[in-house]
Amino acid sequence: MLASCATVDFDYPRNKTTAPPVSSTADTRIGQYAARLTEGQPAKKSGFHLLPDAIDALAIRLILAERAEATIDAQYYLVKSDDAGLAFIRSLLAAADRGVRVRLLIDDMFTGGKDLGLAALDHHPNFEVRVFNPFARRSARFMDGLTDLSRINRRMHNKSFTVDNQVTIIGGRNIADEYFGSRADAHFGDLDAISVGPIVEEVSRAFDIYWNHEQATPLPAFAKIPEDKDAALEDVRRLLEESRQTVSNGVYAKAIRDSAEKMLENDVGIYHWAPYELTVDSPDKSFRKKAAEASTMKLDLANSLMSARKEIILISPYFVPRRSGIEALLALEERGVEITVVTNSLSANNQFTVHGGYMPSRKPLLEGGVRIFEVRRDAHFQGQHLIAADSGKFTLHTKAFLVDDRELFVGSFNFDPRSANINTEMGVIIRSQEMADPLQDQVYEALPNLAWEVVLDDRGRLRWEGYDQDGNTVTLSKEPETSAWDRFMANFIRFLPVHSQL
């Protein structure tokens, strides 16, 4: 019965394509930019620049797309049809109009209602769209959860943006307003890294593996295709133009332009050169029977963390350690490694179910010496002040860790069972004291004002220590800034047998 319900043709014919050789794009504008940056640098090191600022993160993507001459490869879990998402798509379509080959690989979790628009883009001769592990039903998607859950539960969470096979951006950001400082009611504090050097080819090879995988499905294999494709593409162009006119003269658009100019003026000095390890799950992780052997990333990250001798700072919006994870962290503490965990408070978290899964880990970790900080919903990080500085909910979305002020990780991997065992993920471990040291200092400097520290009182009860709006020290006995209903729902989830899915 399940087989008869499926309507995705995973054998649908498709062309196998790959990234161009680096040598073939060396003369492009971005190729010359990369050559200037890499001149005189060690062959096995790559250059990295962190992008904590939301405005910078969108600006550099748009300017790279604007200057692309050969190829753009974009792989994302989520691309919304909001101002930031439409600006991003507009930049890709403009590149395709110039003759740039654009490949957009997007997960299907949040594409509901977008089939016609994606199909219109796919009609462009230089713009190809593939959807990873698509739902069979394009409406009433919940039915797939009843008939095909083991398949559609596995999502592609990877995030990369590579231009002319010369420059790449990887990290934690999806493409939506909340990740780029342009949404007044919600701000997601996140982190990406822009990179040049040999890592770019590695990211491109990883993209090619996903792009040519059987789960990366052409739209005609499952979606409704518009009868008049030319008209559909013109409709998309009108939508993109209307969006551009709406935001082009605003404060946010000016901030984007100013940010791009600032980065281009100071490009050489902002990169740090370091050894690295790109770590990427195999797309075969999307198959339940192959998931264990394809889940390579969690092993790479575990090896890095277990190498710690002095200190670990672990930053994850969704932090749900299972028993083995708790035991591993406590074993490190017993070895003398000081561990600090930074995650969302219940009020800041956009996934209360995840918070329910995290709650049971707090007490054993605190008893073992781990320090826990929960980010406040009223926190404001760099890059958020440009709009709605005094309003909106802040949510931590950064996925990173630091080891002994010598090594840092940036990527898409949450420290939860879903990232470890279900979704595909990617990221980079950068071995650079020059980068890790100042980032560690910035984290410790920011935490007192941006997060509650969770502690145990002398009776072993959870308490939250922080500052009120007047700067006075306060200690709270309940989850900060939450209602009784919020706390009830989170506690309800903690007792359900769903932790392996969180």
Protein backbone atom coordinates (compact mmCIF):
# COMPACT_ATOMS: atom_id res chain seq x y z
CA MET A 1 0.00 0.00 0.00
CA LEU A 2 2.82 2.41 0.88
CA ALA A 3 4.50 1.88 -2.46
CA SER A 4 1.28 2.61 -4.33
CA CYS A 5 0.90 5.92 -2.49
CA ALA A 6 4.31 7.24 -3.58
CA THR A 7 4.32 9.46 -6.65
CA VAL A 8 7.94 10.65 -6.72
CA ASP A 9 9.84 9.24 -9.68
CA PHE A 10 13.37 9.00 -8.29
CA ASP A 11 14.48 7.44 -11.60
CA TYR A 12 13.42 10.52 -13.55
CA PRO A 13 16.09 11.31 -16.20
CA ARG A 14 18.58 13.97 -15.21
CA ASN A 15 21.87 15.30 -16.48
CA LYS A 16 24.94 14.72 -14.37
CA THR A 17 26.77 18.01 -13.94
CA THR A 18 29.78 19.05 -11.89
CA ALA A 19 31.56 22.21 -10.82
CA PRO A 20 34.03 23.61 -13.37
CA PRO A 21 37.77 23.10 -12.83
CA VAL A 22 39.26 25.91 -10.76
CA SER A 23 41.70 26.63 -13.57
CA SER A 24 38.84 27.35 -15.97
CA THR A 25 37.44 30.14 -13.76
CA ALA A 26 40.76 31.67 -12.70
CA ASP A 27 40.29 34.61 -15.08
CA THR A 28 36.83 35.52 -13.84
CA ARG A 29 36.45 38.57 -11.65
CA ILE A 30 35.99 36.41 -8.57
CA GLY A 31 38.81 34.11 -9.69
CA GLN A 32 41.15 37.10 -9.77
CA TYR A 33 39.83 38.18 -6.37
CA ALA A 34 40.59 34.72 -4.95
CA ALA A 35 44.03 34.68 -6.58
CA ARG A 36 44.91 37.98 -4.93
CA LEU A 37 43.88 36.60 -1.55
CA THR A 38 45.67 33.27 -1.90
CA GLU A 39 48.93 34.65 -3.30
CA GLY A 40 51.84 33.55 -1.13
CA GLN A 41 49.69 31.39 1.16
CA PRO A 42 50.47 27.73 2.01
CA ALA A 43 48.87 25.33 -0.46
CA LYS A 44 47.17 23.20 2.22
CA LYS A 45 45.65 26.11 4.13
CA SER A 46 42.48 28.02 3.32
CA GLY A 47 41.46 31.55 4.17
CA PHE A 48 38.48 32.10 6.48
CA HIS A 49 36.51 35.12 7.60
CA LEU A 50 33.64 34.73 10.07
CA LEU A 51 30.31 36.41 9.36
CA PRO A 52 28.49 36.98 12.67
CA ASP A 53 26.86 40.16 11.38
CA ALA A 54 23.47 39.52 9.77
CA ILE A 55 23.72 42.41 7.32
CA ASP A 56 27.21 41.43 6.19
CA ALA A 57 26.08 37.84 5.67
CA LEU A 58 23.42 38.79 3.12
CA ALA A 59 25.47 41.57 1.53
CA ILE A 60 28.39 39.30 0.66
CA ARG A 61 26.09 36.68 -0.88
CA LEU A 62 24.44 39.30 -3.07
CA ILE A 63 27.70 40.91 -4.18
CA LEU A 64 29.22 37.52 -5.03
CA ALA A 65 26.16 36.61 -7.11
CA GLU A 66 26.34 39.99 -8.82
CA ARG A 67 29.96 39.37 -9.82
CA ALA A 68 29.61 35.71 -10.80
CA GLU A 69 30.65 34.90 -14.37
CA ALA A 70 30.67 31.10 -14.60
CA THR A 71 28.69 29.23 -11.95
CA ILE A 72 26.69 29.57 -8.75
CA ASP A 73 25.95 26.49 -6.64
CA ALA A 74 23.53 27.06 -3.74
CA GLN A 75 22.44 24.36 -1.29
CA TYR A 76 19.96 25.25 1.45
CA TYR A 77 17.45 23.73 3.84
CA LEU A 78 15.15 26.76 3.62
CA VAL A 79 14.65 29.66 1.20
CA LYS A 80 11.66 31.81 2.14
CA SER A 81 9.64 34.06 -0.16
CA ASP A 82 10.26 37.13 2.02
CA ASP A 83 12.42 40.20 1.37
CA ALA A 84 15.75 38.46 1.97
CA GLY A 85 14.71 35.30 0.15
CA LEU A 86 13.42 37.19 -2.87
CA ALA A 87 16.57 39.35 -2.97
CA PHE A 88 18.61 36.15 -2.97
CA ILE A 89 16.56 34.54 -5.78
CA ARG A 90 16.63 37.81 -7.72
CA SER A 91 20.44 37.81 -7.59
CA LEU A 92 20.54 34.20 -8.85
CA LEU A 93 18.13 34.91 -11.70
CA ALA A 94 20.08 38.02 -12.72
CA ALA A 95 23.23 35.90 -12.85
CA ALA A 96 21.46 33.29 -15.00
CA ASP A 97 20.35 36.08 -17.35
CA ARG A 98 24.03 37.01 -17.77
CA GLY A 99 24.87 33.44 -18.80
CA VAL A 100 25.98 32.10 -15.41
CA ARG A 101 25.01 28.47 -14.77
CA VAL A 102 22.96 28.41 -11.57
CA ARG A 103 22.25 25.20 -9.65
CA LEU A 104 19.86 25.53 -6.69
CA LEU A 105 19.44 22.48 -4.46
CA ILE A 106 16.84 22.94 -1.77
CA ASP A 107 15.31 20.63 0.80
CA ASP A 108 11.57 20.03 0.45
CA MET A 109 10.50 20.61 4.05
CA PHE A 110 9.43 24.23 3.50
CA THR A 111 8.68 24.41 -0.23
CA GLY A 112 4.93 23.96 0.13
CA GLY A 113 3.07 26.15 -2.37
CA LYS A 114 6.26 27.09 -4.23
CA ASP A 115 6.25 24.44 -6.97
CA LEU A 116 5.09 26.77 -9.74
CA GLY A 117 7.67 29.42 -8.89
CA LEU A 118 10.49 26.89 -8.67
CA ALA A 119 9.37 25.30 -11.93
CA ALA A 120 9.38 28.73 -13.58
CA LEU A 121 12.97 29.34 -12.48
CA ASP A 122 13.89 25.85 -13.64
CA HIS A 123 12.55 26.76 -17.10
CA HIS A 124 15.35 29.30 -17.51
CA PRO A 125 18.07 27.72 -19.71
CA ASN A 126 20.80 28.65 -17.20
CA PHE A 127 18.90 27.99 -13.96
CA GLU A 128 18.29 24.45 -12.73
CA VAL A 129 16.42 23.59 -9.54
CA ARG A 130 16.44 20.24 -7.77
CA VAL A 131 14.58 19.36 -4.59
CA PHE A 132 16.08 16.96 -2.08
CA ASN A 133 13.92 14.07 -0.88
CA PRO A 134 10.59 15.57 -1.99
CA PHE A 135 7.23 14.82 -0.46
CA ALA A 136 5.05 12.76 -2.78
CA ARG A 137 1.95 14.83 -2.04
CA ARG A 138 2.28 18.51 -2.90
CA SER A 139 -0.74 19.36 -0.77
CA ALA A 140 -1.95 17.63 2.39
CA ARG A 141 1.68 16.81 3.06
CA PHE A 142 0.84 15.42 6.48
CA MET A 143 -0.46 12.33 4.67
CA ASP A 144 3.11 11.47 3.69
CA GLY A 145 3.89 11.42 7.39
CA LEU A 146 1.33 8.66 7.77
CA THR A 147 2.39 6.59 4.76
CA ASP A 148 6.10 7.32 4.24
CA LEU A 149 7.47 8.74 7.50
CA SER A 150 10.75 6.81 7.49
CA ARG A 151 11.71 8.55 4.24
CA ILE A 152 10.35 12.08 4.54
CA ASN A 153 11.59 12.38 8.13
CA ARG A 154 15.16 12.61 6.81
CA ARG A 155 16.03 16.11 5.64
CA MET A 156 18.99 17.85 3.98
CA HIS A 157 20.10 20.51 6.48
CA ASN A 158 23.33 21.47 4.62
CA LYS A 159 24.03 25.11 3.76
CA SER A 160 26.57 26.27 1.19
CA PHE A 161 26.94 28.99 -1.44
CA THR A 162 29.78 28.71 -3.95
CA VAL A 163 30.56 31.11 -6.80
CA ASP A 164 32.76 30.32 -9.82
CA ASN A 165 34.32 27.50 -7.74
CA GLN A 166 36.54 30.22 -6.24
CA VAL A 167 34.74 31.45 -3.11
CA THR A 168 32.34 29.65 -0.79
CA ILE A 169 30.16 30.44 2.23
CA ILE A 170 29.18 27.72 4.68
CA GLY A 171 27.60 27.93 8.11
CA GLY A 172 24.27 27.97 9.89
CA ARG A 173 22.11 30.49 8.06
CA ASN A 174 19.12 29.60 5.94
CA ILE A 175 17.82 32.21 3.49
CA ALA A 176 15.09 34.22 5.22
CA ASP A 177 14.55 37.63 6.82
CA GLU A 178 15.12 36.46 10.38
CA TYR A 179 18.67 35.32 9.56
CA PHE A 180 19.67 38.63 7.96
CA GLY A 181 18.37 41.29 10.35
CA SER A 182 15.40 42.37 8.25
CA ARG A 183 12.48 41.04 10.28
CA ALA A 184 11.17 43.30 13.04
CA ASP A 185 9.61 40.64 15.24
CA ALA A 186 12.33 37.96 15.15
CA HIS A 187 16.13 37.94 15.00
CA PHE A 188 18.17 34.74 14.59
CA GLY A 189 21.75 35.18 15.76
CA ASP A 190 23.82 32.99 13.46
CA LEU A 191 27.31 32.42 12.08
CA ASP A 192 28.77 31.68 8.65
CA ALA A 193 32.30 31.61 7.27
CA ILE A 194 33.35 32.89 3.86
CA SER A 195 36.33 30.94 2.54
CA VAL A 196 38.89 30.91 -0.25
CA GLY A 197 41.59 28.40 -1.09
CA PRO A 198 41.48 24.60 -1.46
CA ILE A 199 38.38 24.22 0.73
CA VAL A 200 36.31 25.69 -2.11
CA GLU A 201 36.97 22.71 -4.36
CA GLU A 202 36.06 20.36 -1.50
CA VAL A 203 32.75 22.14 -0.94
CA SER A 204 32.08 21.95 -4.69
CA ARG A 205 32.79 18.21 -4.75
CA ALA A 206 30.41 17.74 -1.84
CA PHE A 207 27.76 19.77 -3.66
CA ASP A 208 28.22 17.67 -6.81
CA ILE A 209 27.73 14.46 -4.83
CA TYR A 210 24.43 15.79 -3.46
CA TRP A 211 23.35 17.31 -6.79
CA ASN A 212 23.85 14.05 -8.67
CA HIS A 213 22.37 11.86 -5.93
CA GLU A 214 19.11 10.04 -6.64
CA GLN A 215 17.35 12.00 -3.89
CA ALA A 216 18.13 15.33 -5.61
CA THR A 217 15.03 15.27 -7.75
CA PRO A 218 14.14 17.34 -10.83
CA LEU A 219 10.82 19.14 -10.45
CA PRO A 220 8.95 17.27 -13.24
CA ALA A 221 9.40 14.04 -11.27
CA PHE A 222 6.93 15.14 -8.60
CA ALA A 223 5.62 18.69 -9.08
CA LYS A 224 2.92 20.35 -11.14
CA ILE A 225 4.59 22.16 -14.02
CA PRO A 226 2.95 25.32 -15.45
CA GLU A 227 1.52 24.89 -18.94
CA ASP A 228 2.92 28.22 -20.13
CA LYS A 229 6.44 28.19 -18.71
CA ASP A 230 7.44 31.48 -20.33
CA ALA A 231 4.49 33.27 -18.76
CA ALA A 232 5.24 31.67 -15.39
CA LEU A 233 8.82 32.91 -15.53
CA GLU A 234 7.61 36.42 -16.37
CA ASP A 235 5.28 36.25 -13.35
CA VAL A 236 8.27 35.42 -11.18
CA ARG A 237 10.21 38.33 -12.65
CA ARG A 238 7.34 40.73 -11.84
CA LEU A 239 7.19 39.45 -8.26
CA LEU A 240 10.94 39.88 -7.85
CA GLU A 241 10.84 43.40 -9.31
CA GLU A 242 7.96 44.44 -7.05
CA SER A 243 9.92 43.17 -4.06
CA ARG A 244 13.04 45.06 -5.17
CA GLN A 245 11.13 48.33 -5.50
CA THR A 246 9.58 47.84 -2.07
CA VAL A 247 12.88 47.56 -0.22
CA SER A 248 15.44 49.27 -2.49
CA ASN A 249 15.18 52.73 -0.92
CA GLY A 250 14.82 51.64 2.69
CA VAL A 251 17.25 51.69 5.59
CA TYR A 252 17.87 47.97 5.26
CA ALA A 253 18.83 48.19 1.57
CA LYS A 254 21.24 51.04 2.35
CA ALA A 255 22.79 48.95 5.11
CA ILE A 256 23.30 46.10 2.63
CA ARG A 257 25.04 48.41 0.15
CA ASP A 258 27.24 49.99 2.83
CA SER A 259 28.19 46.59 4.21
CA ALA A 260 29.19 45.26 0.78
CA GLU A 261 31.37 48.30 0.10
CA LYS A 262 33.04 47.99 3.51
CA MET A 263 33.95 44.33 3.02
CA LEU A 264 35.25 44.84 -0.51
CA GLU A 265 37.50 47.70 0.60
CA ASN A 266 39.08 45.59 3.37
CA ASP A 267 38.99 42.14 1.78
CA VAL A 268 42.64 41.06 1.99
CA GLY A 269 43.19 41.77 5.67
CA ILE A 270 40.05 40.09 6.95
CA TYR A 271 41.00 36.50 6.06
CA HIS A 272 42.81 34.15 8.43
CA TRP A 273 44.79 31.29 6.92
CA ALA A 274 44.65 27.98 8.70
CA PRO A 275 44.56 24.19 8.39
CA TYR A 276 41.01 22.89 8.35
CA GLU A 277 38.81 19.84 8.00
CA LEU A 278 35.64 20.04 5.94
CA THR A 279 33.18 17.53 7.32
CA VAL A 280 30.05 16.53 5.37
CA ASP A 281 27.54 13.74 5.83
CA SER A 282 26.91 11.51 2.84
CA PRO A 283 23.53 12.08 1.14
CA ASP A 284 22.97 8.37 1.72
CA LYS A 285 22.11 9.36 5.29
CA SER A 286 18.69 10.14 3.81
CA PHE A 287 18.21 6.37 3.51
CA ARG A 288 17.32 4.83 6.87
CA LYS A 289 19.20 1.58 6.16
CA LYS A 290 22.39 3.46 5.24
CA ALA A 291 22.17 6.22 7.86
CA ALA A 292 24.62 4.77 10.38
CA GLU A 293 27.51 4.38 7.94
CA ALA A 294 26.71 7.70 6.21
CA SER A 295 26.69 9.72 9.46
CA THR A 296 30.37 10.63 9.30
CA MET A 297 30.08 14.15 10.62
CA LYS A 298 29.17 13.31 14.20
CA LEU A 299 32.31 11.17 14.45
CA ASP A 300 34.51 14.00 13.17
CA LEU A 301 33.03 16.44 15.67
CA ALA A 302 33.27 13.96 18.53
CA ASN A 303 36.96 13.40 17.77
CA SER A 304 37.58 17.14 17.84
CA LEU A 305 35.75 17.64 21.13
CA MET A 306 37.37 14.64 22.80
CA SER A 307 40.82 16.03 21.93
CA ALA A 308 40.25 18.93 24.34
CA ARG A 309 42.80 19.36 27.11
CA LYS A 310 41.64 22.56 28.83
CA GLU A 311 38.37 24.03 27.64
CA ILE A 312 35.32 23.67 25.38
CA ILE A 313 32.68 26.26 24.52
CA LEU A 314 29.75 24.55 22.82
CA ILE A 315 27.14 26.78 21.14
CA SER A 316 23.97 25.17 19.82
CA PRO A 317 20.41 26.51 19.51
CA TYR A 318 19.02 23.01 19.90
CA PHE A 319 21.01 21.14 22.53
CA VAL A 320 19.59 17.69 23.30
CA PRO A 321 22.36 15.39 24.53
CA ARG A 322 21.37 11.77 25.01
CA ARG A 323 22.79 9.69 27.84
CA SER A 324 25.98 8.92 25.92
CA GLY A 325 26.49 12.61 25.17
CA ILE A 326 26.03 13.59 28.80
CA GLU A 327 28.48 10.89 29.87
CA ALA A 328 31.05 12.08 27.31
CA LEU A 329 30.84 15.68 28.54
CA LEU A 330 31.11 14.60 32.16
CA ALA A 331 34.12 12.41 31.32
CA LEU A 332 35.82 15.47 29.83
CA GLU A 333 35.05 17.45 32.98
CA GLU A 334 36.60 14.68 35.08
CA ARG A 335 39.74 15.01 32.94
CA GLY A 336 39.94 18.67 33.91
CA VAL A 337 38.35 20.14 30.77
CA GLU A 338 36.16 23.14 31.58
CA ILE A 339 32.96 23.00 29.51
CA THR A 340 30.58 25.86 28.80
CA VAL A 341 27.31 25.23 26.94
CA VAL A 342 25.42 28.12 25.32
CA THR A 343 21.90 27.39 24.10
CA ASN A 344 18.46 28.99 23.95
CA SER A 345 16.29 29.69 26.95
CA LEU A 346 12.72 28.43 26.70
CA SER A 347 11.48 31.95 25.94
CA ALA A 348 14.06 32.44 23.17
CA ASN A 349 13.67 29.00 21.62
CA ASN A 350 11.55 28.73 18.48
CA GLN A 351 11.13 24.99 19.10
CA PHE A 352 9.64 24.35 22.54
CA THR A 353 9.62 20.62 21.78
CA VAL A 354 13.42 20.69 21.58
CA HIS A 355 13.59 22.54 24.88
CA GLY A 356 11.53 19.78 26.43
CA GLY A 357 14.09 17.26 25.23
CA TYR A 358 16.96 19.36 26.61
CA MET A 359 15.52 19.95 30.09
CA PRO A 360 16.46 16.57 31.66
CA SER A 361 20.15 17.08 30.81
CA ARG A 362 20.62 20.27 32.82
CA LYS A 363 20.85 18.90 36.32
CA PRO A 364 23.34 16.05 35.66
CA LEU A 365 25.54 18.36 33.59
CA LEU A 366 25.53 21.06 36.26
CA GLU A 367 26.25 18.51 38.98
CA GLY A 368 29.24 17.36 36.92
CA GLY A 369 30.70 20.86 36.64
CA VAL A 370 29.45 21.95 33.20
CA ARG A 371 28.42 25.61 33.00
CA ILE A 372 25.17 26.31 31.12
CA PHE A 373 24.06 29.65 29.70
CA GLU A 374 20.62 30.16 28.15
CA VAL A 375 20.30 33.07 25.74
CA ARG A 376 17.65 35.66 26.59
CA ARG A 377 14.82 36.49 24.22
CA ASP A 378 15.65 40.22 24.56
CA ALA A 379 19.32 39.78 23.59
CA HIS A 380 20.66 41.83 20.68
CA PHE A 381 23.81 40.86 18.88
CA GLN A 382 25.93 42.63 16.30
CA GLY A 383 24.04 43.05 13.06
CA GLN A 384 20.62 43.27 14.73
CA HIS A 385 20.73 46.96 15.64
CA LEU A 386 20.04 48.20 12.13
CA ILE A 387 16.31 47.60 12.36
CA ALA A 388 13.92 47.12 15.27
CA ALA A 389 16.75 47.36 17.78
CA ASP A 390 14.48 47.50 20.80
CA SER A 391 11.83 44.99 19.77
CA GLY A 392 11.47 41.47 18.53
CA LYS A 393 12.44 38.11 19.91
CA PHE A 394 16.04 37.01 19.70
CA THR A 395 16.78 33.33 19.02
CA LEU A 396 20.23 31.81 19.03
CA HIS A 397 20.82 29.89 15.78
CA THR A 398 24.62 29.67 15.78
CA LYS A 399 26.05 26.16 15.62
CA ALA A 400 29.69 26.31 16.69
CA PHE A 401 32.23 25.16 19.22
CA LEU A 402 35.70 26.14 20.39
CA VAL A 403 38.32 23.73 21.70
CA ASP A 404 41.27 24.95 23.83
CA ASP A 405 41.37 28.36 22.09
CA ARG A 406 43.03 26.55 19.15
CA GLU A 407 40.18 25.06 17.13
CA LEU A 408 36.69 26.14 16.15
CA PHE A 409 33.77 24.58 14.30
CA VAL A 410 31.20 26.44 12.19
CA GLY A 411 28.40 24.68 10.36
CA SER A 412 24.82 23.41 10.28
CA PHE A 413 25.14 20.70 12.96
CA ASN A 414 22.93 21.04 16.04
CA PHE A 415 23.96 19.01 19.06
CA ASP A 416 20.82 16.92 19.03
CA PRO A 417 19.78 13.44 17.85
CA ARG A 418 18.26 14.79 14.63
CA SER A 419 21.54 16.27 13.39
CA ALA A 420 23.51 13.28 14.62
CA ASN A 421 21.37 10.50 13.18
CA ILE A 422 18.61 11.74 10.86
CA ASN A 423 19.37 14.91 8.88
CA THR A 424 22.38 15.46 6.64
CA GLU A 425 24.76 18.19 7.84
CA MET A 426 27.99 19.96 6.93
CA GLY A 427 30.56 22.28 8.47
CA VAL A 428 34.24 23.06 8.88
CA ILE A 429 36.70 22.59 11.72
CA ILE A 430 39.26 25.42 11.57
CA ARG A 431 42.52 24.91 13.44
CA SER A 432 43.50 28.48 14.19
CA GLN A 433 44.36 30.05 17.53
CA GLU A 434 44.32 33.40 15.74
CA MET A 435 40.58 32.93 15.11
CA ALA A 436 39.56 30.91 18.16
CA ASP A 437 41.20 33.12 20.79
CA PRO A 438 39.34 36.36 20.08
CA LEU A 439 36.06 34.52 19.48
CA GLN A 440 36.39 32.85 22.87
CA ASP A 441 36.99 36.24 24.51
CA GLN A 442 33.97 37.71 22.73
CA VAL A 443 31.72 34.90 23.93
CA TYR A 444 32.76 35.26 27.57
CA GLU A 445 32.47 39.04 27.41
CA ALA A 446 28.97 38.90 25.92
CA LEU A 447 27.40 36.15 28.02
CA PRO A 448 26.64 38.07 31.25
CA ASN A 449 24.38 40.54 29.44
CA LEU A 450 22.98 38.23 26.79
CA ALA A 451 22.19 35.04 28.68
CA TRP A 452 20.97 33.60 31.93
CA GLU A 453 23.40 31.31 33.72
CA VAL A 454 21.65 28.18 34.95
CA VAL A 455 22.90 27.07 38.37
CA LEU A 456 21.91 24.76 41.21
CA ASP A 457 21.08 26.19 44.61
CA ASP A 458 22.16 24.54 47.85
CA ARG A 459 19.13 22.24 47.67
CA GLY A 460 19.89 21.11 44.11
CA ARG A 461 17.13 23.16 42.49
CA LEU A 462 17.55 24.94 39.14
CA ARG A 463 18.00 28.70 39.32
CA TRP A 464 18.62 31.33 36.62
CA GLU A 465 21.07 34.13 37.40
CA GLY A 466 21.30 37.29 35.32
CA TYR A 467 20.57 41.01 35.20
CA ASP A 468 17.32 42.94 35.02
CA GLN A 469 16.77 45.98 32.78
CA ASP A 470 18.31 48.25 35.41
CA GLY A 471 21.49 46.20 35.61
CA ASN A 472 20.68 44.65 38.97
CA THR A 473 21.61 41.03 39.66
CA VAL A 474 18.56 38.78 39.88
CA THR A 475 18.00 35.09 40.59
CA LEU A 476 14.88 33.43 39.22
CA SER A 477 13.30 30.14 40.25
CA LYS A 478 11.32 29.60 37.03
CA GLU A 479 12.24 29.55 33.34
CA PRO A 480 12.75 33.27 32.59
CA GLU A 481 10.15 35.23 30.62
CA THR A 482 7.77 32.29 30.22
CA SER A 483 4.14 31.64 31.02
CA ALA A 484 2.76 28.71 32.98
CA TRP A 485 1.51 27.30 29.67
CA ASP A 486 5.00 27.52 28.10
CA ARG A 487 6.48 25.61 31.01
CA PHE A 488 3.68 23.04 31.00
CA MET A 489 4.13 22.27 27.30
CA ALA A 490 7.92 21.94 27.58
CA ASN A 491 7.56 19.66 30.59
CA PHE A 492 4.91 17.62 28.80
CA ILE A 493 7.27 16.99 25.87
CA ARG A 494 10.08 15.82 28.12
CA PHE A 495 8.04 12.79 29.14
CA LEU A 496 7.09 11.74 25.60
CA PRO A 497 9.15 9.05 23.79
CA VAL A 498 10.24 11.46 21.04
CA HIS A 499 13.76 12.47 22.12
CA SER A 500 15.39 10.51 19.29
CA GLN A 501 13.55 12.75 16.80
CA LEU A 502 14.50 16.10 18.36
